[in-house]
PDB file of N, CA and C in Angstrom:
ATOM      1  N   MET A   1       0.765  -1.182  -0.060  1.00  0.00           N
ATOM      2  CA  MET A   1      -0.017  -0.039  -0.087  1.00  0.00           C
ATOM      3  C   MET A   1       0.979   1.264   0.024  1.00  0.00           C
ATOM      4  N   HIS A   2       0.469   2.242  -0.721  1.00  0.00           N
ATOM      5  CA  HIS A   2       1.105   3.333  -0.703  1.00  0.00           C
ATOM      6  C   HIS A   2       0.758   4.671  -0.028  1.00  0.00           C
ATOM      7  N   SER A   3      -0.514   4.274   0.742  1.00  0.00           N
ATOM      8  CA  SER A   3      -0.998   5.577   1.688  1.00  0.00           C
ATOM      9  C   SER A   3      -1.974   4.731   2.634  1.00  0.00           C
ATOM     10  N   ALA A   4      -2.363   5.615   3.648  1.00  0.00           N
ATOM     11  CA  ALA A   4      -3.352   5.328   4.583  1.00  0.00           C
ATOM     12  C   ALA A   4      -4.214   6.222   4.599  1.00  0.00           C
ATOM     13  N   VAL A   5      -5.504   5.848   4.823  1.00  0.00           N
ATOM     14  CA  VAL A   5      -6.744   6.959   4.846  1.00  0.00           C
ATOM     15  C   VAL A   5      -7.369   6.960   6.105  1.00  0.00           C
ATOM     16  N   ASN A   6      -7.988   8.053   6.496  1.00  0.00           N
ATOM     17  CA  ASN A   6      -8.885   8.315   7.494  1.00  0.00           C
ATOM     18  C   ASN A   6      -7.865   8.340   8.682  1.00  0.00           C
ATOM     19  N   VAL A   7      -6.609   8.740   8.510  1.00  0.00           N
ATOM     20  CA  VAL A   7      -5.709   8.950   9.744  1.00  0.00           C
ATOM     21  C   VAL A   7      -5.061  10.347   9.711  1.00  0.00           C
ATOM     22  N   LYS A   8      -4.606  10.803  10.786  1.00  0.00           N
ATOM     23  CA  LYS A   8      -3.949  11.963  10.930  1.00  0.00           C
ATOM     24  C   LYS A   8      -2.529  11.791  11.644  1.00  0.00           C
ATOM     25  N   LEU A   9      -1.387  12.463  11.287  1.00  0.00           N
ATOM     26  CA  LEU A   9      -0.354  12.239  12.005  1.00  0.00           C
ATOM     27  C   LEU A   9      -0.021  13.241  13.169  1.00  0.00           C
ATOM     28  N   GLY A  10       0.576  12.852  14.211  1.00  0.00           N
ATOM     29  CA  GLY A  10       0.819  13.641  15.300  1.00  0.00           C
ATOM     30  C   GLY A  10       2.210  14.348  15.208  1.00  0.00           C
ATOM     31  N   LYS A  11       2.773  14.835  16.320  1.00  0.00           N
ATOM     32  CA  LYS A  11       4.115  15.394  16.163  1.00  0.00           C
ATOM     33  C   LYS A  11       5.300  14.521  15.946  1.00  0.00           C
ATOM     34  N   LYS A  12       6.374  14.872  15.232  1.00  0.00           N
ATOM     35  CA  LYS A  12       7.552  14.137  14.911  1.00  0.00           C
ATOM     36  C   LYS A  12       8.205  14.120  16.215  1.00  0.00           C
ATOM     37  N   GLU A  13       8.701  12.907  16.719  1.00  0.00           N
ATOM     38  CA  GLU A  13       9.828  12.924  17.801  1.00  0.00           C
ATOM     39  C   GLU A  13      10.674  11.862  17.471  1.00  0.00           C
ATOM     40  N   ASP A  14      12.067  11.943  18.111  1.00  0.00           N
ATOM     41  CA  ASP A  14      12.755  10.682  18.253  1.00  0.00           C
ATOM     42  C   ASP A  14      12.458   9.756  19.199  1.00  0.00           C
ATOM     43  N   ARG A  15      12.350   8.464  18.835  1.00  0.00           N
ATOM     44  CA  ARG A  15      11.880   7.530  19.886  1.00  0.00           C
ATOM     45  C   ARG A  15      12.708   6.286  19.775  1.00  0.00           C
ATOM     46  N   PRO A  16      13.271   5.934  20.886  1.00  0.00           N
ATOM     47  CA  PRO A  16      14.018   4.705  20.970  1.00  0.00           C
ATOM     48  C   PRO A  16      13.071   3.528  20.917  1.00  0.00           C
ATOM     49  N   LEU A  17      13.298   2.700  19.789  1.00  0.00           N
ATOM     50  CA  LEU A  17      12.495   1.400  19.450  1.00  0.00           C
ATOM     51  C   LEU A  17      13.396   0.197  19.669  1.00  0.00           C
ATOM     52  N   LEU A  18      12.842  -1.067  19.554  1.00  0.00           N
ATOM     53  CA  LEU A  18      13.774  -2.242  19.651  1.00  0.00           C
ATOM     54  C   LEU A  18      14.731  -2.188  18.619  1.00  0.00           C
ATOM     55  N   THR A  19      14.651  -1.543  17.536  1.00  0.00           N
ATOM     56  CA  THR A  19      15.513  -1.494  16.423  1.00  0.00           C
ATOM     57  C   THR A  19      16.335  -0.428  16.143  1.00  0.00           C
ATOM     58  N   GLY A  20      16.359   0.413  17.248  1.00  0.00           N
ATOM     59  CA  GLY A  20      17.294   1.381  17.219  1.00  0.00           C
ATOM     60  C   GLY A  20      16.347   2.950  17.426  1.00  0.00           C
ATOM     61  N   VAL A  21      17.143   4.072  17.358  1.00  0.00           N
ATOM     62  CA  VAL A  21      16.383   5.305  17.512  1.00  0.00           C
ATOM     63  C   VAL A  21      15.636   5.731  15.973  1.00  0.00           C
ATOM     64  N   HIS A  22      14.400   5.981  16.031  1.00  0.00           N
ATOM     65  CA  HIS A  22      13.800   6.363  14.844  1.00  0.00           C
ATOM     66  C   HIS A  22      13.011   7.725  15.057  1.00  0.00           C
ATOM     67  N   THR A  23      12.835   8.584  13.982  1.00  0.00           N
ATOM     68  CA  THR A  23      12.058   9.721  14.053  1.00  0.00           C
ATOM     69  C   THR A  23      10.851   9.377  13.648  1.00  0.00           C
ATOM     70  N   VAL A  24       9.608   9.361  14.433  1.00  0.00           N
ATOM     71  CA  VAL A  24       8.456   8.915  14.153  1.00  0.00           C
ATOM     72  C   VAL A  24       7.280   9.984  14.472  1.00  0.00           C
ATOM     73  N   ALA A  25       6.181   9.590  14.166  1.00  0.00           N
ATOM     74  CA  ALA A  25       4.927  10.519  14.703  1.00  0.00           C
ATOM     75  C   ALA A  25       3.921   9.386  14.598  1.00  0.00           C
ATOM     76  N   ASP A  26       3.244   9.578  15.745  1.00  0.00           N
ATOM     77  CA  ASP A  26       1.963   8.682  16.165  1.00  0.00           C
ATOM     78  C   ASP A  26       0.992   9.012  15.075  1.00  0.00           C
ATOM     79  N   VAL A  27       0.080   7.841  14.762  1.00  0.00           N
ATOM     80  CA  VAL A  27      -0.906   8.008  13.718  1.00  0.00           C
ATOM     81  C   VAL A  27      -2.265   7.953  14.458  1.00  0.00           C
ATOM     82  N   PHE A  28      -3.096   8.666  14.346  1.00  0.00           N
ATOM     83  CA  PHE A  28      -4.481   8.816  14.997  1.00  0.00           C
ATOM     84  C   PHE A  28      -5.596   8.569  14.001  1.00  0.00           C
ATOM     85  N   CYS A  29      -6.568   7.827  14.323  1.00  0.00           N
ATOM     86  CA  CYS A  29      -7.895   7.765  13.581  1.00  0.00           C
ATOM     87  C   CYS A  29      -8.715   9.202  13.529  1.00  0.00           C
ATOM     88  N   VAL A  30      -8.885   9.589  12.300  1.00  0.00           N
ATOM     89  CA  VAL A  30      -9.676  10.875  12.256  1.00  0.00           C
ATOM     90  C   VAL A  30     -11.118  10.548  12.901  1.00  0.00           C
ATOM     91  N   GLY A  31     -11.674   9.604  12.870  1.00  0.00           N
ATOM     92  CA  GLY A  31     -12.975   9.399  13.461  1.00  0.00           C
ATOM     93  C   GLY A  31     -13.229   9.495  14.834  1.00  0.00           C
ATOM     94  N   CYS A  32     -12.133   8.647  15.571  1.00  0.00           N
ATOM     95  CA  CYS A  32     -12.390   8.626  16.999  1.00  0.00           C
ATOM     96  C   CYS A  32     -11.056   9.176  17.808  1.00  0.00           C
ATOM     97  N   ASN A  33     -10.092   9.574  16.973  1.00  0.00           N
ATOM     98  CA  ASN A  33      -8.898  10.211  17.656  1.00  0.00           C
ATOM     99  C   ASN A  33      -7.962   9.093  18.461  1.00  0.00           C
ATOM    100  N   ASP A  34      -8.351   7.849  18.225  1.00  0.00           N
ATOM    101  CA  ASP A  34      -7.403   6.915  18.927  1.00  0.00           C
ATOM    102  C   ASP A  34      -6.316   6.749  18.310  1.00  0.00           C
ATOM    103  N   ARG A  35      -5.044   6.531  19.059  1.00  0.00           N
ATOM    104  CA  ARG A  35      -3.711   6.356  18.280  1.00  0.00           C
ATOM    105  C   ARG A  35      -3.771   4.839  17.804  1.00  0.00           C
ATOM    106  N   VAL A  36      -3.483   4.791  16.521  1.00  0.00           N
ATOM    107  CA  VAL A  36      -3.645   3.317  15.929  1.00  0.00           C
ATOM    108  C   VAL A  36      -2.267   2.827  15.518  1.00  0.00           C
ATOM    109  N   GLY A  37      -1.045   3.650  15.748  1.00  0.00           N
ATOM    110  CA  GLY A  37       0.138   3.101  15.156  1.00  0.00           C
ATOM    111  C   GLY A  37       1.053   4.286  15.195  1.00  0.00           C
ATOM    112  N   TRP A  38       2.025   4.246  14.135  1.00  0.00           N
ATOM    113  CA  TRP A  38       3.095   5.255  14.096  1.00  0.00           C
ATOM    114  C   TRP A  38       3.672   5.208  12.632  1.00  0.00           C
ATOM    115  N   TYR A  39       4.141   6.511  12.262  1.00  0.00           N
ATOM    116  CA  TYR A  39       4.753   6.559  10.870  1.00  0.00           C
ATOM    117  C   TYR A  39       6.143   6.812  11.140  1.00  0.00           C
ATOM    118  N   TYR A  40       7.096   6.032  10.410  1.00  0.00           N
ATOM    119  CA  TYR A  40       8.634   6.335  10.233  1.00  0.00           C
ATOM    120  C   TYR A  40       8.995   7.355   9.393  1.00  0.00           C
ATOM    121  N   HIS A  41       9.546   8.716  10.026  1.00  0.00           N
ATOM    122  CA  HIS A  41       9.925   9.548   9.098  1.00  0.00           C
ATOM    123  C   HIS A  41      11.314   9.426   8.732  1.00  0.00           C
ATOM    124  N   LYS A  42      12.267   8.808   9.680  1.00  0.00           N
ATOM    125  CA  LYS A  42      13.651   8.648   9.530  1.00  0.00           C
ATOM    126  C   LYS A  42      14.103   7.528  10.421  1.00  0.00           C
ATOM    127  N   ALA A  43      15.113   6.782   9.998  1.00  0.00           N
ATOM    128  CA  ALA A  43      15.819   5.719  10.785  1.00  0.00           C
ATOM    129  C   ALA A  43      17.238   6.047  10.819  1.00  0.00           C
ATOM    130  N   ALA A  44      17.854   6.029  12.087  1.00  0.00           N
ATOM    131  CA  ALA A  44      19.225   6.319  11.992  1.00  0.00           C
ATOM    132  C   ALA A  44      19.977   5.454  11.806  1.00  0.00           C
ATOM    133  N   ASP A  45      19.732   4.119  11.771  1.00  0.00           N
ATOM    134  CA  ASP A  45      20.701   2.919  11.357  1.00  0.00           C
ATOM    135  C   ASP A  45      20.371   2.649   9.958  1.00  0.00           C
ATOM    136  N   HIS A  46      21.426   2.476   9.362  1.00  0.00           N
ATOM    137  CA  HIS A  46      21.296   2.344   7.836  1.00  0.00           C
ATOM    138  C   HIS A  46      20.452   0.885   7.462  1.00  0.00           C
ATOM    139  N   SER A  47      20.687  -0.114   8.312  1.00  0.00           N
ATOM    140  CA  SER A  47      19.762  -1.403   8.007  1.00  0.00           C
ATOM    141  C   SER A  47      18.283  -1.043   8.237  1.00  0.00           C
ATOM    142  N   GLN A  48      17.940  -0.052   8.911  1.00  0.00           N
ATOM    143  CA  GLN A  48      16.574   0.173   9.157  1.00  0.00           C
ATOM    144  C   GLN A  48      15.845   1.180   8.340  1.00  0.00           C
ATOM    145  N   LYS A  49      16.654   1.945   7.216  1.00  0.00           N
ATOM    146  CA  LYS A  49      16.150   2.696   6.113  1.00  0.00           C
ATOM    147  C   LYS A  49      14.882   2.388   5.544  1.00  0.00           C
ATOM    148  N   TYR A  50      14.671   1.189   5.207  1.00  0.00           N
ATOM    149  CA  TYR A  50      13.436   0.520   4.397  1.00  0.00           C
ATOM    150  C   TYR A  50      12.203   0.899   5.153  1.00  0.00           C
ATOM    151  N   LYS A  51      12.295   1.419   6.585  1.00  0.00           N
ATOM    152  CA  LYS A  51      11.108   1.624   7.077  1.00  0.00           C
ATOM    153  C   LYS A  51      10.628   2.941   6.969  1.00  0.00           C
ATOM    154  N   GLU A  52      11.709   3.832   6.355  1.00  0.00           N
ATOM    155  CA  GLU A  52      11.203   5.176   6.175  1.00  0.00           C
ATOM    156  C   GLU A  52       9.984   5.617   5.228  1.00  0.00           C
ATOM    157  N   GLY A  53       9.347   6.514   5.617  1.00  0.00           N
ATOM    158  CA  GLY A  53       8.013   6.617   4.766  1.00  0.00           C
ATOM    159  C   GLY A  53       6.971   5.489   4.873  1.00  0.00           C
ATOM    160  N   LYS A  54       6.842   4.659   5.964  1.00  0.00           N
ATOM    161  CA  LYS A  54       5.888   3.541   6.191  1.00  0.00           C
ATOM    162  C   LYS A  54       5.167   3.818   7.424  1.00  0.00           C
ATOM    163  N   TYR A  55       3.998   3.301   7.476  1.00  0.00           N
ATOM    164  CA  TYR A  55       2.972   3.282   8.476  1.00  0.00           C
ATOM    165  C   TYR A  55       3.219   1.813   9.276  1.00  0.00           C
ATOM    166  N   LEU A  56       3.350   1.972  10.599  1.00  0.00           N
ATOM    167  CA  LEU A  56       3.072   0.849  11.223  1.00  0.00           C
ATOM    168  C   LEU A  56       1.772   0.939  12.009  1.00  0.00           C
ATOM    169  N   LEU A  57       0.757  -0.046  11.814  1.00  0.00           N
ATOM    170  CA  LEU A  57      -0.549   0.079  12.462  1.00  0.00           C
ATOM    171  C   LEU A  57      -0.625  -1.028  13.304  1.00  0.00           C
ATOM    172  N   GLU A  58      -1.062  -0.836  14.460  1.00  0.00           N
ATOM    173  CA  GLU A  58      -1.252  -1.837  15.417  1.00  0.00           C
ATOM    174  C   GLU A  58      -2.612  -2.812  15.027  1.00  0.00           C
ATOM    175  N   ARG A  59      -2.505  -3.891  14.883  1.00  0.00           N
ATOM    176  CA  ARG A  59      -3.665  -4.919  14.507  1.00  0.00           C
ATOM    177  C   ARG A  59      -4.813  -4.739  15.639  1.00  0.00           C
ATOM    178  N   GLU A  60      -4.366  -4.826  16.822  1.00  0.00           N
ATOM    179  CA  GLU A  60      -5.544  -4.747  17.789  1.00  0.00           C
ATOM    180  C   GLU A  60      -6.218  -3.315  17.892  1.00  0.00           C
ATOM    181  N   LYS A  61      -5.594  -2.263  17.263  1.00  0.00           N
ATOM    182  CA  LYS A  61      -6.267  -1.005  17.160  1.00  0.00           C
ATOM    183  C   LYS A  61      -7.106  -0.934  15.974  1.00  0.00           C
ATOM    184  N   ILE A  62      -6.676  -1.591  15.127  1.00  0.00           N
ATOM    185  CA  ILE A  62      -7.611  -1.427  13.699  1.00  0.00           C
ATOM    186  C   ILE A  62      -8.713  -2.444  13.384  1.00  0.00           C
ATOM    187  N   THR A  63      -8.524  -3.537  14.287  1.00  0.00           N
ATOM    188  CA  THR A  63      -9.578  -4.608  13.916  1.00  0.00           C
ATOM    189  C   THR A  63     -10.671  -4.510  14.986  1.00  0.00           C
ATOM    190  N   GLY A  64     -11.825  -5.141  14.877  1.00  0.00           N
ATOM    191  CA  GLY A  64     -12.870  -5.115  15.565  1.00  0.00           C
ATOM    192  C   GLY A  64     -14.126  -5.195  14.968  1.00  0.00           C
ATOM    193  N   SER A  65     -15.175  -5.149  15.757  1.00  0.00           N
ATOM    194  CA  SER A  65     -16.572  -5.357  15.062  1.00  0.00           C
ATOM    195  C   SER A  65     -16.954  -4.433  13.943  1.00  0.00           C
ATOM    196  N   PHE A  66     -16.400  -3.227  13.846  1.00  0.00           N
ATOM    197  CA  PHE A  66     -16.611  -2.151  12.878  1.00  0.00           C
ATOM    198  C   PHE A  66     -15.576  -2.167  11.786  1.00  0.00           C
ATOM    199  N   SER A  67     -14.549  -2.944  11.972  1.00  0.00           N
ATOM    200  CA  SER A  67     -13.307  -2.982  11.109  1.00  0.00           C
ATOM    201  C   SER A  67     -13.421  -3.648   9.760  1.00  0.00           C
ATOM    202  N   VAL A  68     -13.091  -3.140   8.704  1.00  0.00           N
ATOM    203  CA  VAL A  68     -13.252  -3.947   7.425  1.00  0.00           C
ATOM    204  C   VAL A  68     -11.900  -4.810   7.097  1.00  0.00           C
ATOM    205  N   ILE A  69     -11.043  -5.066   8.262  1.00  0.00           N
ATOM    206  CA  ILE A  69      -9.966  -5.798   7.929  1.00  0.00           C
ATOM    207  C   ILE A  69     -10.132  -7.158   8.638  1.00  0.00           C
ATOM    208  N   SER A  70     -10.048  -8.243   8.059  1.00  0.00           N
ATOM    209  CA  SER A  70     -10.350  -9.428   8.561  1.00  0.00           C
ATOM    210  C   SER A  70      -9.384  -9.896   9.622  1.00  0.00           C
ATOM    211  N   ASP A  71      -9.615 -10.686  10.601  1.00  0.00           N
ATOM    212  CA  ASP A  71      -8.742 -11.138  11.527  1.00  0.00           C
ATOM    213  C   ASP A  71      -7.638 -11.919  11.048  1.00  0.00           C
ATOM    214  N   ASN A  72      -7.926 -12.761   9.971  1.00  0.00           N
ATOM    215  CA  ASN A  72      -6.831 -13.478   9.245  1.00  0.00           C
ATOM    216  C   ASN A  72      -5.938 -12.846   8.238  1.00  0.00           C
ATOM    217  N   VAL A  73      -6.016 -11.725   7.959  1.00  0.00           N
ATOM    218  CA  VAL A  73      -5.160 -11.145   7.013  1.00  0.00           C
ATOM    219  C   VAL A  73      -3.900 -10.396   7.437  1.00  0.00           C
ATOM    220  N   TRP A  74      -4.024  -9.805   8.498  1.00  0.00           N
ATOM    221  CA  TRP A  74      -2.736  -9.000   8.892  1.00  0.00           C
ATOM    222  C   TRP A  74      -2.032  -9.632  10.066  1.00  0.00           C
ATOM    223  N   PRO A  75      -0.688  -9.680   9.947  1.00  0.00           N
ATOM    224  CA  PRO A  75      -0.030 -10.052  11.252  1.00  0.00           C
ATOM    225  C   PRO A  75      -0.091  -8.977  12.302  1.00  0.00           C
ATOM    226  N   SER A  76       0.475  -9.246  13.552  1.00  0.00           N
ATOM    227  CA  SER A  76       0.241  -8.266  14.702  1.00  0.00           C
ATOM    228  C   SER A  76       0.346  -6.788  14.501  1.00  0.00           C
ATOM    229  N   LEU A  77       1.762  -6.598  13.880  1.00  0.00           N
ATOM    230  CA  LEU A  77       2.156  -5.249  13.287  1.00  0.00           C
ATOM    231  C   LEU A  77       2.308  -5.396  11.907  1.00  0.00           C
ATOM    232  N   THR A  78       1.930  -4.294  11.230  1.00  0.00           N
ATOM    233  CA  THR A  78       2.081  -4.363   9.702  1.00  0.00           C
ATOM    234  C   THR A  78       2.547  -3.054   9.285  1.00  0.00           C
ATOM    235  N   LEU A  79       3.690  -2.973   8.413  1.00  0.00           N
ATOM    236  CA  LEU A  79       4.188  -1.889   7.796  1.00  0.00           C
ATOM    237  C   LEU A  79       3.215  -1.664   6.473  1.00  0.00           C
ATOM    238  N   ILE A  80       2.853  -0.611   6.274  1.00  0.00           N
ATOM    239  CA  ILE A  80       1.977  -0.377   4.946  1.00  0.00           C
ATOM    240  C   ILE A  80       2.368   0.769   4.409  1.00  0.00           C
ATOM    241  N   GLY A  81       2.644   0.973   3.220  1.00  0.00           N
ATOM    242  CA  GLY A  81       2.978   2.328   2.287  1.00  0.00           C
ATOM    243  C   GLY A  81       3.517   3.478   2.817  1.00  0.00           C
ATOM    244  N   SER A  82       3.454   4.509   2.047  1.00  0.00           N
ATOM    245  CA  SER A  82       3.891   5.701   2.403  1.00  0.00           C
ATOM    246  C   SER A  82       2.794   6.777   2.565  1.00  0.00           C
ATOM    247  N   PRO A  83       2.881   7.924   3.188  1.00  0.00           N
ATOM    248  CA  PRO A  83       1.920   8.887   3.264  1.00  0.00           C
ATOM    249  C   PRO A  83       1.154   9.392   2.049  1.00  0.00           C
ATOM    250  N   SER A  84      -0.012   9.482   2.038  1.00  0.00           N
ATOM    251  CA  SER A  84      -0.644  10.245   0.846  1.00  0.00           C
ATOM    252  C   SER A  84      -0.149  11.653   0.834  1.00  0.00           C
ATOM    253  N   THR A  85      -0.001  12.134  -0.384  1.00  0.00           N
ATOM    254  CA  THR A  85       0.436  13.663  -0.560  1.00  0.00           C
ATOM    255  C   THR A  85      -0.775  14.473  -0.947  1.00  0.00           C
ATOM    256  N   SER A  86      -1.554  14.706  -0.012  1.00  0.00           N
ATOM    257  CA  SER A  86      -2.907  15.496  -0.211  1.00  0.00           C
ATOM    258  C   SER A  86      -2.527  17.086  -0.209  1.00  0.00           C
TER     259      SER A  86
END
């Protein structure tokens, strides 16, 4: 996927994650304003550069009784696309 819809980005921040320090922004649902994951702006480590420009959405946050995503489709954490340029 090359974009995510019905989401908005929070403030950029450097965050220490399991794979190193990354510049990320939290991703929020535009409908309910819940945090549903984060967006990778920059990765400090060269081996993690593939994450730049990608969303990580938490499965538990985007699935449920009103979700269009099937429980059998996505792993627990999923990297998808780059942000839309609206």
